[in-house]
Amino acid sequence: MSQALERLTERVRACRICIDEPRGQPLPHEPRPVLQPSSTARILLAGQAPGTKVHLSGMPFTDASGDRLRNWLGVSAQEFYDTEKFAIVPMGFCFPGQDAKGGDLPPRRECAPAWRSDLMALMPQIDLVLTIGGYAQAWHMGTTRLPSLTETVRNWRAIWDGPSIPKVLPLPHPSWRNTGWLKKNPWFEMDLLPFLRSEIRYRID
């Protein structure tokens, strides 16, 4: 990792903005920012925010969603956590807490405005961004994002063929809550995933 990126990452990991200067209600627990930036990886995983298991482990995607995501990518855990191969920078760095129904709250609104542009500027080698879920798609895709997540992901070929640099591929969140979505949209596993795995192997092998 470059010295500049390492210094910025240290500042992010010490961040308490959601406690000290919150937008709305403060974070209901101690912050624990989780991210894996890289100065060498060509692929950026832009997810939403850590869940409860990731909050406890301090490592991204150490949960069932991570298992499903690694399956989608066609990579081992060793490859996934290799910072030479993948940068992992979610839209929100801390577990945001849960709603009344037990689902995770959206990423904290403080994170992306405070840190994301500076982090991206220090990772110019990224040439593929996987936007996982609507929050990442809203930030990274601009006008190429369609009104719904399903429309956006279904439009992946046109998005890929567009002028965006780095290249962007939209994905649904790999949460178990999206199992029904996967069953309703079999084209995702039949068409998008083989292409995705091919692009991943091209960049990490």
C-alpha atoms as a PDB file:
ATOM      1  CA  MET A   1       0.000   0.000   0.000  1.00  0.00           C
ATOM      2  CA  SER A   2       1.296   3.468  -0.828  1.00  0.00           C
ATOM      3  CA  GLN A   3       2.222   5.688   2.101  1.00  0.00           C
ATOM      4  CA  ALA A   4      -0.542   8.151   1.246  1.00  0.00           C
ATOM      5  CA  LEU A   5      -3.185   5.421   1.104  1.00  0.00           C
ATOM      6  CA  GLU A   6      -1.868   3.844   4.297  1.00  0.00           C
ATOM      7  CA  ARG A   7      -2.092   7.174   6.131  1.00  0.00           C
ATOM      8  CA  LEU A   8      -5.613   7.784   4.885  1.00  0.00           C
ATOM      9  CA  THR A   9      -6.676   4.249   5.834  1.00  0.00           C
ATOM     10  CA  GLU A  10      -5.368   4.803   9.365  1.00  0.00           C
ATOM     11  CA  ARG A  11      -7.488   7.950   9.589  1.00  0.00           C
ATOM     12  CA  VAL A  12     -10.570   6.077   8.344  1.00  0.00           C
ATOM     13  CA  ARG A  13     -10.054   3.299  10.881  1.00  0.00           C
ATOM     14  CA  ALA A  14      -9.899   5.905  13.652  1.00  0.00           C
ATOM     15  CA  CYS A  15     -13.019   7.709  12.388  1.00  0.00           C
ATOM     16  CA  ARG A  16     -15.783   8.578  14.878  1.00  0.00           C
ATOM     17  CA  ILE A  17     -17.785  10.994  12.754  1.00  0.00           C
ATOM     18  CA  CYS A  18     -21.005   8.999  13.205  1.00  0.00           C
ATOM     19  CA  ILE A  19     -20.669   9.481  16.977  1.00  0.00           C
ATOM     20  CA  ASP A  20     -19.140  12.951  17.186  1.00  0.00           C
ATOM     21  CA  GLU A  21     -20.852  14.664  14.212  1.00  0.00           C
ATOM     22  CA  PRO A  22     -23.743  12.391  13.205  1.00  0.00           C
ATOM     23  CA  ARG A  23     -26.290  13.094  10.510  1.00  0.00           C
ATOM     24  CA  GLY A  24     -29.385  12.147  12.465  1.00  0.00           C
ATOM     25  CA  GLN A  25     -29.170   9.669  15.318  1.00  0.00           C
ATOM     26  CA  PRO A  26     -25.612   8.726  16.325  1.00  0.00           C
ATOM     27  CA  LEU A  27     -24.291   5.237  15.755  1.00  0.00           C
ATOM     28  CA  PRO A  28     -25.753   3.058  18.558  1.00  0.00           C
ATOM     29  CA  HIS A  29     -22.433   1.340  19.353  1.00  0.00           C
ATOM     30  CA  GLU A  30     -18.696   1.957  19.171  1.00  0.00           C
ATOM     31  CA  PRO A  31     -17.463   2.545  15.594  1.00  0.00           C
ATOM     32  CA  ARG A  32     -15.352  -0.167  14.000  1.00  0.00           C
ATOM     33  CA  PRO A  33     -14.583   0.840  10.405  1.00  0.00           C
ATOM     34  CA  VAL A  34     -13.951  -2.172   8.162  1.00  0.00           C
ATOM     35  CA  LEU A  35     -12.256  -1.788   4.788  1.00  0.00           C
ATOM     36  CA  GLN A  36      -9.472  -3.324   2.692  1.00  0.00           C
ATOM     37  CA  PRO A  37      -8.026  -0.694   0.334  1.00  0.00           C
ATOM     38  CA  SER A  38      -5.177  -1.478  -2.040  1.00  0.00           C
ATOM     39  CA  SER A  39      -2.591   0.316  -4.164  1.00  0.00           C
ATOM     40  CA  THR A  40      -2.185  -2.654  -6.504  1.00  0.00           C
ATOM     41  CA  ALA A  41      -5.506  -4.483  -6.894  1.00  0.00           C
ATOM     42  CA  ARG A  42      -7.331  -3.900 -10.165  1.00  0.00           C
ATOM     43  CA  ILE A  43     -10.746  -4.865  -8.764  1.00  0.00           C
ATOM     44  CA  LEU A  44     -12.770  -2.859  -6.257  1.00  0.00           C
ATOM     45  CA  LEU A  45     -15.656  -4.440  -4.359  1.00  0.00           C
ATOM     46  CA  ALA A  46     -17.977  -1.577  -3.471  1.00  0.00           C
ATOM     47  CA  GLY A  47     -20.512  -2.996  -1.039  1.00  0.00           C
ATOM     48  CA  GLN A  48     -22.989  -1.467   1.400  1.00  0.00           C
ATOM     49  CA  ALA A  49     -21.861  -1.695   5.047  1.00  0.00           C
ATOM     50  CA  PRO A  50     -20.660  -4.365   7.481  1.00  0.00           C
ATOM     51  CA  GLY A  51     -23.173  -6.654   9.165  1.00  0.00           C
ATOM     52  CA  THR A  52     -23.036  -7.978  12.704  1.00  0.00           C
ATOM     53  CA  LYS A  53     -20.535 -10.777  12.004  1.00  0.00           C
ATOM     54  CA  VAL A  54     -18.205  -8.461  10.105  1.00  0.00           C
ATOM     55  CA  HIS A  55     -18.449  -5.914  12.927  1.00  0.00           C
ATOM     56  CA  LEU A  56     -17.241  -8.613  15.313  1.00  0.00           C
ATOM     57  CA  SER A  57     -14.493 -10.016  13.073  1.00  0.00           C
ATOM     58  CA  GLY A  58     -13.160  -6.719  11.734  1.00  0.00           C
ATOM     59  CA  MET A  59     -12.761  -8.331   8.274  1.00  0.00           C
ATOM     60  CA  PRO A  60     -15.067  -7.694   5.312  1.00  0.00           C
ATOM     61  CA  PHE A  61     -17.557 -10.334   4.184  1.00  0.00           C
ATOM     62  CA  THR A  62     -16.849 -12.888   6.943  1.00  0.00           C
ATOM     63  CA  ASP A  63     -20.441 -14.089   6.804  1.00  0.00           C
ATOM     64  CA  ALA A  64     -22.889 -15.996   4.602  1.00  0.00           C
ATOM     65  CA  SER A  65     -23.079 -13.044   2.208  1.00  0.00           C
ATOM     66  CA  GLY A  66     -19.334 -13.287   1.758  1.00  0.00           C
ATOM     67  CA  ASP A  67     -19.564 -16.999   0.999  1.00  0.00           C
ATOM     68  CA  ARG A  68     -22.159 -16.325  -1.688  1.00  0.00           C
ATOM     69  CA  LEU A  69     -20.156 -13.402  -3.109  1.00  0.00           C
ATOM     70  CA  ARG A  70     -16.981 -15.495  -3.359  1.00  0.00           C
ATOM     71  CA  ASN A  71     -19.011 -18.151  -5.168  1.00  0.00           C
ATOM     72  CA  TRP A  72     -20.305 -15.532  -7.600  1.00  0.00           C
ATOM     73  CA  LEU A  73     -16.756 -14.343  -8.267  1.00  0.00           C
ATOM     74  CA  GLY A  74     -15.340 -17.862  -8.544  1.00  0.00           C
ATOM     75  CA  VAL A  75     -12.530 -17.164  -6.081  1.00  0.00           C
ATOM     76  CA  SER A  76     -11.191 -18.759  -2.914  1.00  0.00           C
ATOM     77  CA  ALA A  77     -11.111 -16.986   0.444  1.00  0.00           C
ATOM     78  CA  GLN A  78      -7.326 -16.728   0.087  1.00  0.00           C
ATOM     79  CA  GLU A  79      -7.682 -14.922  -3.248  1.00  0.00           C
ATOM     80  CA  PHE A  80     -10.523 -12.764  -1.952  1.00  0.00           C
ATOM     81  CA  TYR A  81      -8.519 -11.367   0.966  1.00  0.00           C
ATOM     82  CA  ASP A  82      -5.335 -10.873  -1.064  1.00  0.00           C
ATOM     83  CA  THR A  83      -4.888  -7.109  -1.355  1.00  0.00           C
ATOM     84  CA  GLU A  84      -2.844  -7.661  -4.505  1.00  0.00           C
ATOM     85  CA  LYS A  85      -6.077  -8.887  -6.107  1.00  0.00           C
ATOM     86  CA  PHE A  86      -9.034  -7.119  -4.458  1.00  0.00           C
ATOM     87  CA  ALA A  87      -9.744  -3.814  -2.773  1.00  0.00           C
ATOM     88  CA  ILE A  88     -12.843  -3.878  -0.564  1.00  0.00           C
ATOM     89  CA  VAL A  89     -14.265  -0.459   0.281  1.00  0.00           C
ATOM     90  CA  PRO A  90     -17.955  -0.362   1.271  1.00  0.00           C
ATOM     91  CA  MET A  91     -20.170   2.700   1.165  1.00  0.00           C
ATOM     92  CA  GLY A  92     -20.414   2.693   4.957  1.00  0.00           C
ATOM     93  CA  PHE A  93     -17.452   1.491   6.999  1.00  0.00           C
ATOM     94  CA  CYS A  94     -19.225   0.665  10.269  1.00  0.00           C
ATOM     95  CA  PHE A  95     -22.090  -1.683  11.074  1.00  0.00           C
ATOM     96  CA  PRO A  96     -25.054   0.754  11.067  1.00  0.00           C
ATOM     97  CA  GLY A  97     -27.269  -1.198  13.475  1.00  0.00           C
ATOM     98  CA  GLN A  98     -30.599  -2.906  12.850  1.00  0.00           C
ATOM     99  CA  ASP A  99     -34.151  -1.758  12.259  1.00  0.00           C
ATOM    100  CA  ALA A 100     -37.214  -2.891  14.231  1.00  0.00           C
ATOM    101  CA  LYS A 101     -37.575  -5.987  12.024  1.00  0.00           C
ATOM    102  CA  GLY A 102     -33.978  -7.128  12.564  1.00  0.00           C
ATOM    103  CA  GLY A 103     -32.689  -6.045   9.164  1.00  0.00           C
ATOM    104  CA  ASP A 104     -29.530  -4.004   8.766  1.00  0.00           C
ATOM    105  CA  LEU A 105     -30.001  -0.260   8.516  1.00  0.00           C
ATOM    106  CA  PRO A 106     -28.677   1.588   5.432  1.00  0.00           C
ATOM    107  CA  PRO A 107     -25.022   2.659   5.339  1.00  0.00           C
ATOM    108  CA  ARG A 108     -24.334   5.694   7.499  1.00  0.00           C
ATOM    109  CA  ARG A 109     -24.728   8.924   5.537  1.00  0.00           C
ATOM    110  CA  GLU A 110     -21.499  10.395   6.936  1.00  0.00           C
ATOM    111  CA  CYS A 111     -19.055   7.869   5.450  1.00  0.00           C
ATOM    112  CA  ALA A 112     -19.088   8.367   1.694  1.00  0.00           C
ATOM    113  CA  PRO A 113     -19.036  12.200   1.712  1.00  0.00           C
ATOM    114  CA  ALA A 114     -16.207  12.226   4.249  1.00  0.00           C
ATOM    115  CA  TRP A 115     -13.892   9.601   2.761  1.00  0.00           C
ATOM    116  CA  ARG A 116     -14.851   8.005  -0.535  1.00  0.00           C
ATOM    117  CA  SER A 117     -13.528  10.495  -3.082  1.00  0.00           C
ATOM    118  CA  ASP A 118     -10.132  10.676  -1.355  1.00  0.00           C
ATOM    119  CA  LEU A 119      -9.859   6.884  -1.166  1.00  0.00           C
ATOM    120  CA  MET A 120     -10.749   6.466  -4.842  1.00  0.00           C
ATOM    121  CA  ALA A 121      -8.211   9.128  -5.838  1.00  0.00           C
ATOM    122  CA  LEU A 122      -5.461   7.074  -4.165  1.00  0.00           C
ATOM    123  CA  MET A 123      -6.451   3.882  -6.023  1.00  0.00           C
ATOM    124  CA  PRO A 124      -6.084   4.965  -9.672  1.00  0.00           C
ATOM    125  CA  GLN A 125      -5.069   1.443 -10.739  1.00  0.00           C
ATOM    126  CA  ILE A 126      -8.631   0.133 -10.235  1.00  0.00           C
ATOM    127  CA  ASP A 127     -10.072  -0.823 -13.614  1.00  0.00           C
ATOM    128  CA  LEU A 128     -13.155  -2.791 -12.510  1.00  0.00           C
ATOM    129  CA  VAL A 129     -15.674  -1.726  -9.871  1.00  0.00           C
ATOM    130  CA  LEU A 130     -18.270  -4.240  -8.722  1.00  0.00           C
ATOM    131  CA  THR A 131     -21.155  -2.164  -7.354  1.00  0.00           C
ATOM    132  CA  ILE A 132     -22.923  -4.420  -4.864  1.00  0.00           C
ATOM    133  CA  GLY A 133     -26.393  -3.094  -4.108  1.00  0.00           C
ATOM    134  CA  GLY A 134     -28.211   0.148  -4.755  1.00  0.00           C
ATOM    135  CA  TYR A 135     -26.135   2.444  -2.542  1.00  0.00           C
ATOM    136  CA  ALA A 136     -22.884   1.621  -4.326  1.00  0.00           C
ATOM    137  CA  GLN A 137     -24.604   1.852  -7.691  1.00  0.00           C
ATOM    138  CA  ALA A 138     -25.960   5.299  -6.857  1.00  0.00           C
ATOM    139  CA  TRP A 139     -22.457   6.595  -6.010  1.00  0.00           C
ATOM    140  CA  HIS A 140     -20.406   4.928  -8.735  1.00  0.00           C
ATOM    141  CA  MET A 141     -22.718   4.746 -11.726  1.00  0.00           C
ATOM    142  CA  GLY A 142     -24.280   8.175 -12.124  1.00  0.00           C
ATOM    143  CA  THR A 143     -26.807   8.355 -14.958  1.00  0.00           C
ATOM    144  CA  THR A 144     -26.131   4.779 -16.099  1.00  0.00           C
ATOM    145  CA  ARG A 145     -28.036   3.589 -13.025  1.00  0.00           C
ATOM    146  CA  LEU A 146     -31.673   2.842 -13.803  1.00  0.00           C
ATOM    147  CA  PRO A 147     -34.625   3.428 -11.418  1.00  0.00           C
ATOM    148  CA  SER A 148     -34.532  -0.022  -9.825  1.00  0.00           C
ATOM    149  CA  LEU A 149     -31.743  -2.415  -8.887  1.00  0.00           C
ATOM    150  CA  THR A 150     -33.257  -5.145 -11.066  1.00  0.00           C
ATOM    151  CA  GLU A 151     -33.327  -2.867 -14.110  1.00  0.00           C
ATOM    152  CA  THR A 152     -29.775  -1.738 -13.445  1.00  0.00           C
ATOM    153  CA  VAL A 153     -28.354  -5.252 -13.081  1.00  0.00           C
ATOM    154  CA  ARG A 154     -30.364  -6.510 -16.074  1.00  0.00           C
ATOM    155  CA  ASN A 155     -28.792  -3.696 -18.131  1.00  0.00           C
ATOM    156  CA  TRP A 156     -25.259  -4.870 -17.293  1.00  0.00           C
ATOM    157  CA  ARG A 157     -24.184  -5.472 -20.893  1.00  0.00           C
ATOM    158  CA  ALA A 158     -25.016  -1.916 -21.988  1.00  0.00           C
ATOM    159  CA  ILE A 159     -23.325  -0.574 -18.855  1.00  0.00           C
ATOM    160  CA  TRP A 160     -20.211  -2.630 -19.591  1.00  0.00           C
ATOM    161  CA  ASP A 161     -20.100  -1.449 -23.203  1.00  0.00           C
ATOM    162  CA  GLY A 162     -20.423   2.189 -22.134  1.00  0.00           C
ATOM    163  CA  PRO A 163     -17.565   4.697 -21.786  1.00  0.00           C
ATOM    164  CA  SER A 164     -17.114   4.359 -18.021  1.00  0.00           C
ATOM    165  CA  ILE A 165     -13.527   4.216 -16.726  1.00  0.00           C
ATOM    166  CA  PRO A 166     -13.044   2.161 -14.651  1.00  0.00           C
ATOM    167  CA  LYS A 167     -15.427  -0.475 -15.950  1.00  0.00           C
ATOM    168  CA  VAL A 168     -18.443  -1.103 -13.729  1.00  0.00           C
ATOM    169  CA  LEU A 169     -20.565  -4.200 -13.207  1.00  0.00           C
ATOM    170  CA  PRO A 170     -23.716  -3.895 -11.065  1.00  0.00           C
ATOM    171  CA  LEU A 171     -24.590  -6.773  -8.734  1.00  0.00           C
ATOM    172  CA  PRO A 172     -27.386  -7.397  -6.247  1.00  0.00           C
ATOM    173  CA  HIS A 173     -26.375  -7.764  -2.634  1.00  0.00           C
ATOM    174  CA  PRO A 174     -25.420 -11.409  -1.895  1.00  0.00           C
ATOM    175  CA  SER A 175     -27.549 -11.439   1.265  1.00  0.00           C
ATOM    176  CA  TRP A 176     -29.780 -14.453   1.965  1.00  0.00           C
ATOM    177  CA  ARG A 177     -32.651 -11.957   1.789  1.00  0.00           C
ATOM    178  CA  ASN A 178     -32.090 -11.823  -1.983  1.00  0.00           C
ATOM    179  CA  THR A 179     -32.497 -15.575  -2.553  1.00  0.00           C
ATOM    180  CA  GLY A 180     -35.998 -14.931  -3.893  1.00  0.00           C
ATOM    181  CA  TRP A 181     -34.626 -12.312  -6.284  1.00  0.00           C
ATOM    182  CA  LEU A 182     -32.110 -14.816  -7.655  1.00  0.00           C
ATOM    183  CA  LYS A 183     -34.882 -17.357  -8.289  1.00  0.00           C
ATOM    184  CA  LYS A 184     -36.978 -14.756 -10.123  1.00  0.00           C
ATOM    185  CA  ASN A 185     -34.028 -13.629 -12.256  1.00  0.00           C
ATOM    186  CA  PRO A 186     -32.239 -16.776 -13.505  1.00  0.00           C
ATOM    187  CA  TRP A 187     -30.465 -14.738 -16.201  1.00  0.00           C
ATOM    188  CA  PHE A 188     -28.188 -13.399 -13.458  1.00  0.00           C
ATOM    189  CA  GLU A 189     -26.553 -16.767 -12.823  1.00  0.00           C
ATOM    190  CA  MET A 190     -26.782 -17.942 -16.444  1.00  0.00           C
ATOM    191  CA  ASP A 191     -25.498 -14.831 -18.220  1.00  0.00           C
ATOM    192  CA  LEU A 192     -23.873 -12.323 -15.901  1.00  0.00           C
ATOM    193  CA  LEU A 193     -21.929 -14.633 -13.576  1.00  0.00           C
ATOM    194  CA  PRO A 194     -19.932 -16.464 -16.299  1.00  0.00           C
ATOM    195  CA  PHE A 195     -18.915 -13.090 -17.739  1.00  0.00           C
ATOM    196  CA  LEU A 196     -18.057 -11.782 -14.276  1.00  0.00           C
ATOM    197  CA  ARG A 197     -15.900 -14.797 -13.429  1.00  0.00           C
ATOM    198  CA  SER A 198     -14.041 -14.466 -16.708  1.00  0.00           C
ATOM    199  CA  GLU A 199     -13.251 -10.795 -16.039  1.00  0.00           C
ATOM    200  CA  ILE A 200     -12.140 -11.605 -12.495  1.00  0.00           C
ATOM    201  CA  ARG A 201      -9.723 -14.335 -13.631  1.00  0.00           C
ATOM    202  CA  TYR A 202      -8.336 -12.035 -16.327  1.00  0.00           C
ATOM    203  CA  ARG A 203      -7.391  -9.512 -13.631  1.00  0.00           C
ATOM    204  CA  ILE A 204      -6.098 -11.752 -10.839  1.00  0.00           C
ATOM    205  CA  ASP A 205      -4.303 -14.643 -12.575  1.00  0.00           C
END
